[in-house]
Amino acid sequence: MTIDLTKEILDSKGKIATQKYSKIIEEEGVEKEVLETQSVTVGRIIADCVLYEIADSKKVSEEEHINRYRIFEMVRDGVQEFSEEDIKFIKSLVITRCMPLWAGQVLRILNTK
């Protein structure tokens, strides 16, 4: 299945949702932390979900860790073709990780064939 990883997610007012993140830059030989903003996309949400820290109470197999990292690499590299098994796994993570506003949009996209 093909997924447009660049599809932007909307906020509750129908505008493109954004996230702030810190970035370290070097300026005149001195490292400095700056705050930047980026739009929230399907790809960023998927990457966040597969890399999200797993609760201590959940036992995760080596295979699942490898699968999560494999999906992250696909998203990072811009691969947009995912197997049905990948989609099913991504959906399960989105459901447990994302707030309904974002999860609903991502799930709608993942359910479109």
N, C-alpha and C. Protein backbone atom coordinates (compact mmCIF):
# COMPACT_ATOMS: atom_id res chain seq x y z
N MET A 1 0.84 -1.17 0.00
CA MET A 1 0.00 0.00 0.00
C MET A 1 0.89 1.24 0.00
N THR A 2 0.51 2.22 -0.78
CA THR A 2 1.26 3.47 -0.85
C THR A 2 0.69 4.48 0.14
N ILE A 3 1.58 5.10 0.92
CA ILE A 3 1.18 6.12 1.89
C ILE A 3 1.96 7.39 1.59
N ASP A 4 1.24 8.51 1.51
CA ASP A 4 1.90 9.80 1.33
C ASP A 4 2.40 10.27 2.69
N LEU A 5 3.69 10.07 2.94
CA LEU A 5 4.28 10.41 4.23
C LEU A 5 4.35 11.91 4.47
N THR A 6 4.22 12.70 3.39
CA THR A 6 4.31 14.16 3.53
C THR A 6 2.95 14.81 3.79
N LYS A 7 1.89 14.01 3.81
CA LYS A 7 0.54 14.55 4.06
C LYS A 7 0.51 15.21 5.43
N GLU A 8 0.12 16.48 5.45
CA GLU A 8 0.11 17.24 6.70
C GLU A 8 -1.17 16.97 7.49
N ILE A 9 -1.01 16.97 8.80
CA ILE A 9 -2.10 16.73 9.74
C ILE A 9 -2.64 18.08 10.21
N LEU A 10 -3.95 18.15 10.36
CA LEU A 10 -4.59 19.41 10.75
C LEU A 10 -4.86 19.46 12.25
N ASP A 11 -4.87 20.68 12.79
CA ASP A 11 -5.22 20.86 14.19
C ASP A 11 -6.73 20.98 14.33
N SER A 12 -7.22 21.26 15.51
CA SER A 12 -8.66 21.31 15.77
C SER A 12 -9.35 22.48 15.07
N LYS A 13 -8.58 23.43 14.57
CA LYS A 13 -9.16 24.58 13.86
C LYS A 13 -9.04 24.43 12.35
N GLY A 14 -8.55 23.27 11.90
CA GLY A 14 -8.44 23.01 10.48
C GLY A 14 -7.17 23.57 9.84
N LYS A 15 -6.24 24.02 10.67
CA LYS A 15 -4.96 24.53 10.17
C LYS A 15 -3.90 23.45 10.31
N ILE A 16 -2.82 23.58 9.55
CA ILE A 16 -1.74 22.59 9.63
C ILE A 16 -1.15 22.58 11.04
N ALA A 17 -1.14 21.40 11.65
CA ALA A 17 -0.59 21.25 13.00
C ALA A 17 0.93 21.38 12.94
N THR A 18 1.50 21.98 13.97
CA THR A 18 2.95 22.12 14.05
C THR A 18 3.47 21.60 15.38
N GLN A 19 4.75 21.25 15.38
CA GLN A 19 5.44 20.81 16.59
C GLN A 19 6.70 21.64 16.74
N LYS A 20 7.03 21.93 17.97
CA LYS A 20 8.30 22.60 18.25
C LYS A 20 9.32 21.55 18.64
N TYR A 21 10.56 21.78 18.24
CA TYR A 21 11.63 20.88 18.62
C TYR A 21 12.91 21.68 18.79
N SER A 22 13.81 21.17 19.61
CA SER A 22 15.07 21.87 19.81
C SER A 22 16.12 21.28 18.89
N LYS A 23 17.02 22.14 18.47
CA LYS A 23 18.07 21.75 17.54
C LYS A 23 19.36 22.41 18.02
N ILE A 24 20.45 21.67 17.96
CA ILE A 24 21.75 22.20 18.36
C ILE A 24 22.46 22.70 17.09
N ILE A 25 22.87 23.96 17.12
CA ILE A 25 23.63 24.52 16.01
C ILE A 25 24.96 25.05 16.53
N GLU A 26 25.90 25.19 15.65
CA GLU A 26 27.18 25.76 16.03
C GLU A 26 27.28 27.14 15.42
N GLU A 27 27.54 28.10 16.27
CA GLU A 27 27.63 29.49 15.84
C GLU A 27 28.92 30.08 16.38
N GLU A 28 29.84 30.41 15.51
CA GLU A 28 31.14 30.97 15.88
C GLU A 28 31.87 30.08 16.88
N GLY A 29 31.82 28.76 16.63
CA GLY A 29 32.53 27.80 17.46
C GLY A 29 31.83 27.44 18.76
N VAL A 30 30.63 27.96 18.98
CA VAL A 30 29.89 27.69 20.20
C VAL A 30 28.59 26.97 19.85
N GLU A 31 28.36 25.85 20.55
CA GLU A 31 27.10 25.14 20.34
C GLU A 31 25.97 25.87 21.04
N LYS A 32 24.85 25.94 20.35
CA LYS A 32 23.72 26.69 20.87
C LYS A 32 22.44 25.93 20.54
N GLU A 33 21.53 25.90 21.49
CA GLU A 33 20.25 25.22 21.27
C GLU A 33 19.23 26.25 20.79
N VAL A 34 18.55 25.92 19.68
CA VAL A 34 17.52 26.80 19.16
C VAL A 34 16.22 26.02 19.04
N LEU A 35 15.11 26.73 19.14
CA LEU A 35 13.79 26.12 19.02
C LEU A 35 13.27 26.37 17.61
N GLU A 36 12.85 25.31 16.94
CA GLU A 36 12.31 25.43 15.59
C GLU A 36 10.93 24.78 15.54
N THR A 37 10.20 25.06 14.47
CA THR A 37 8.87 24.52 14.29
C THR A 37 8.82 23.75 12.97
N GLN A 38 8.10 22.65 12.99
CA GLN A 38 7.89 21.88 11.76
C GLN A 38 6.44 21.43 11.70
N SER A 39 5.94 21.21 10.50
CA SER A 39 4.57 20.73 10.37
C SER A 39 4.50 19.26 10.75
N VAL A 40 3.36 18.86 11.27
CA VAL A 40 3.13 17.47 11.63
C VAL A 40 2.67 16.74 10.37
N THR A 41 3.35 15.67 10.03
CA THR A 41 3.00 14.88 8.85
C THR A 41 2.74 13.43 9.23
N VAL A 42 2.14 12.71 8.32
CA VAL A 42 1.90 11.28 8.54
C VAL A 42 3.22 10.57 8.83
N GLY A 43 4.24 10.88 8.08
CA GLY A 43 5.55 10.25 8.28
C GLY A 43 6.13 10.53 9.65
N ARG A 44 6.03 11.78 10.10
CA ARG A 44 6.56 12.12 11.43
C ARG A 44 5.78 11.39 12.53
N ILE A 45 4.49 11.26 12.35
CA ILE A 45 3.69 10.55 13.35
C ILE A 45 4.07 9.06 13.38
N ILE A 46 4.21 8.46 12.21
CA ILE A 46 4.59 7.04 12.17
C ILE A 46 5.97 6.85 12.81
N ALA A 47 6.92 7.70 12.46
CA ALA A 47 8.27 7.59 13.03
C ALA A 47 8.21 7.73 14.55
N ASP A 48 7.43 8.68 15.04
CA ASP A 48 7.29 8.88 16.48
C ASP A 48 6.69 7.63 17.13
N CYS A 49 5.68 7.07 16.51
CA CYS A 49 5.01 5.90 17.10
C CYS A 49 5.93 4.68 17.18
N VAL A 50 6.71 4.43 16.14
CA VAL A 50 7.56 3.23 16.16
C VAL A 50 8.77 3.40 17.06
N LEU A 51 9.19 4.66 17.30
CA LEU A 51 10.36 4.89 18.16
C LEU A 51 9.99 5.22 19.60
N TYR A 52 8.71 5.38 19.86
CA TYR A 52 8.24 5.75 21.20
C TYR A 52 8.71 4.74 22.24
N GLU A 53 9.13 5.26 23.37
CA GLU A 53 9.59 4.41 24.46
C GLU A 53 8.48 3.46 24.90
N ILE A 54 8.84 2.23 25.12
CA ILE A 54 7.88 1.19 25.48
C ILE A 54 7.83 1.08 27.00
N ALA A 55 6.63 1.04 27.55
CA ALA A 55 6.45 0.94 29.00
C ALA A 55 7.14 -0.31 29.52
N ASP A 56 7.70 -0.19 30.71
CA ASP A 56 8.40 -1.33 31.33
C ASP A 56 7.49 -2.55 31.48
N SER A 57 6.20 -2.30 31.65
CA SER A 57 5.28 -3.40 31.89
C SER A 57 5.00 -4.21 30.62
N LYS A 58 5.30 -3.65 29.46
CA LYS A 58 5.05 -4.37 28.21
C LYS A 58 6.30 -5.12 27.77
N LYS A 59 6.16 -6.39 27.63
CA LYS A 59 7.28 -7.22 27.16
C LYS A 59 7.29 -7.16 25.64
N VAL A 60 8.41 -6.70 25.08
CA VAL A 60 8.55 -6.58 23.64
C VAL A 60 9.69 -7.47 23.18
N SER A 61 9.41 -8.24 22.17
CA SER A 61 10.41 -9.18 21.66
C SER A 61 11.48 -8.45 20.84
N GLU A 62 12.57 -9.15 20.65
CA GLU A 62 13.64 -8.63 19.80
C GLU A 62 13.10 -8.39 18.39
N GLU A 63 12.27 -9.29 17.93
CA GLU A 63 11.67 -9.17 16.59
C GLU A 63 10.86 -7.87 16.46
N GLU A 64 10.09 -7.53 17.50
CA GLU A 64 9.30 -6.30 17.43
C GLU A 64 10.20 -5.07 17.41
N HIS A 65 11.25 -5.08 18.21
CA HIS A 65 12.19 -3.95 18.18
C HIS A 65 12.78 -3.77 16.78
N ILE A 66 13.18 -4.87 16.19
CA ILE A 66 13.76 -4.82 14.84
C ILE A 66 12.72 -4.33 13.83
N ASN A 67 11.49 -4.80 13.97
CA ASN A 67 10.41 -4.38 13.07
C ASN A 67 10.13 -2.88 13.20
N ARG A 68 10.10 -2.39 14.44
CA ARG A 68 9.89 -0.95 14.66
C ARG A 68 10.99 -0.13 14.00
N TYR A 69 12.22 -0.57 14.17
CA TYR A 69 13.34 0.18 13.59
C TYR A 69 13.32 0.09 12.06
N ARG A 70 12.94 -1.04 11.53
CA ARG A 70 12.85 -1.21 10.07
C ARG A 70 11.82 -0.24 9.49
N ILE A 71 10.68 -0.12 10.15
CA ILE A 71 9.65 0.82 9.67
C ILE A 71 10.15 2.25 9.79
N PHE A 72 10.84 2.56 10.89
CA PHE A 72 11.43 3.90 11.03
C PHE A 72 12.36 4.20 9.86
N GLU A 73 13.23 3.25 9.53
CA GLU A 73 14.16 3.45 8.41
C GLU A 73 13.43 3.69 7.10
N MET A 74 12.34 2.97 6.89
CA MET A 74 11.55 3.16 5.67
C MET A 74 11.01 4.58 5.61
N VAL A 75 10.45 5.05 6.73
CA VAL A 75 9.89 6.41 6.78
C VAL A 75 11.01 7.44 6.58
N ARG A 76 12.11 7.26 7.29
CA ARG A 76 13.24 8.18 7.18
C ARG A 76 13.75 8.28 5.75
N ASP A 77 13.76 7.15 5.06
CA ASP A 77 14.28 7.11 3.70
C ASP A 77 13.23 7.48 2.65
N GLY A 78 12.02 7.79 3.10
CA GLY A 78 10.98 8.23 2.16
C GLY A 78 10.27 7.12 1.43
N VAL A 79 10.47 5.87 1.86
CA VAL A 79 9.77 4.75 1.23
C VAL A 79 8.28 4.90 1.53
N GLN A 80 7.46 4.76 0.52
CA GLN A 80 6.03 4.96 0.72
C GLN A 80 5.20 3.71 0.48
N GLU A 81 5.86 2.60 0.19
CA GLU A 81 5.17 1.33 -0.03
C GLU A 81 5.29 0.48 1.23
N PHE A 82 4.16 0.14 1.83
CA PHE A 82 4.14 -0.66 3.05
C PHE A 82 3.28 -1.89 2.84
N SER A 83 3.69 -2.98 3.46
CA SER A 83 2.90 -4.22 3.37
C SER A 83 1.66 -4.09 4.25
N GLU A 84 0.72 -4.99 4.02
CA GLU A 84 -0.49 -5.00 4.85
C GLU A 84 -0.15 -5.27 6.31
N GLU A 85 0.88 -6.11 6.55
CA GLU A 85 1.30 -6.39 7.93
C GLU A 85 1.88 -5.13 8.58
N ASP A 86 2.66 -4.37 7.81
CA ASP A 86 3.21 -3.12 8.32
C ASP A 86 2.10 -2.15 8.68
N ILE A 87 1.12 -2.02 7.80
CA ILE A 87 -0.01 -1.10 8.03
C ILE A 87 -0.76 -1.50 9.29
N LYS A 88 -1.03 -2.77 9.45
CA LYS A 88 -1.74 -3.27 10.64
C LYS A 88 -0.95 -2.92 11.91
N PHE A 89 0.36 -3.14 11.88
CA PHE A 89 1.22 -2.84 13.03
C PHE A 89 1.25 -1.34 13.30
N ILE A 90 1.40 -0.53 12.26
CA ILE A 90 1.43 0.93 12.42
C ILE A 90 0.12 1.41 13.03
N LYS A 91 -1.01 0.89 12.53
CA LYS A 91 -2.31 1.29 13.08
C LYS A 91 -2.39 1.00 14.57
N SER A 92 -1.91 -0.17 14.99
CA SER A 92 -1.98 -0.53 16.41
C SER A 92 -1.17 0.46 17.26
N LEU A 93 -0.05 0.92 16.73
CA LEU A 93 0.78 1.89 17.46
C LEU A 93 0.14 3.27 17.48
N VAL A 94 -0.42 3.69 16.35
CA VAL A 94 -1.08 5.00 16.26
C VAL A 94 -2.24 5.06 17.25
N ILE A 95 -3.00 3.99 17.34
CA ILE A 95 -4.16 3.95 18.24
C ILE A 95 -3.74 4.12 19.69
N THR A 96 -2.61 3.53 20.08
CA THR A 96 -2.20 3.60 21.48
C THR A 96 -1.35 4.83 21.79
N ARG A 97 -0.75 5.45 20.80
CA ARG A 97 0.21 6.54 21.03
C ARG A 97 -0.36 7.93 20.80
N CYS A 98 -1.24 8.08 19.81
CA CYS A 98 -1.67 9.43 19.38
C CYS A 98 -2.99 9.86 20.00
N MET A 99 -3.12 11.17 20.13
CA MET A 99 -4.41 11.71 20.56
C MET A 99 -5.41 11.51 19.41
N PRO A 100 -6.70 11.42 19.73
CA PRO A 100 -7.71 11.13 18.71
C PRO A 100 -7.70 12.09 17.51
N LEU A 101 -7.41 13.35 17.72
CA LEU A 101 -7.39 14.31 16.62
C LEU A 101 -6.41 13.89 15.54
N TRP A 102 -5.22 13.48 15.94
CA TRP A 102 -4.21 13.06 14.97
C TRP A 102 -4.41 11.61 14.55
N ALA A 103 -4.74 10.75 15.50
CA ALA A 103 -4.93 9.33 15.19
C ALA A 103 -6.05 9.15 14.16
N GLY A 104 -7.14 9.88 14.33
CA GLY A 104 -8.25 9.77 13.40
C GLY A 104 -7.84 10.09 11.97
N GLN A 105 -7.05 11.15 11.80
CA GLN A 105 -6.61 11.53 10.46
C GLN A 105 -5.66 10.50 9.86
N VAL A 106 -4.71 10.03 10.67
CA VAL A 106 -3.75 9.05 10.19
C VAL A 106 -4.45 7.74 9.86
N LEU A 107 -5.36 7.29 10.73
CA LEU A 107 -6.08 6.04 10.48
C LEU A 107 -6.94 6.14 9.23
N ARG A 108 -7.55 7.29 9.00
CA ARG A 108 -8.34 7.49 7.78
C ARG A 108 -7.45 7.31 6.54
N ILE A 109 -6.25 7.88 6.61
CA ILE A 109 -5.32 7.75 5.49
C ILE A 109 -4.87 6.30 5.32
N LEU A 110 -4.56 5.64 6.43
CA LEU A 110 -4.11 4.24 6.36
C LEU A 110 -5.22 3.30 5.91
N ASN A 111 -6.46 3.68 6.14
CA ASN A 111 -7.60 2.84 5.74
C ASN A 111 -8.02 3.07 4.29
N THR A 112 -7.47 4.09 3.64
CA THR A 112 -7.78 4.38 2.25
C THR A 112 -6.95 3.47 1.36
N LYS A 113 -7.61 2.77 0.48
CA LYS A 113 -6.86 1.85 -0.39
C LYS A 113 -6.88 2.31 -1.82
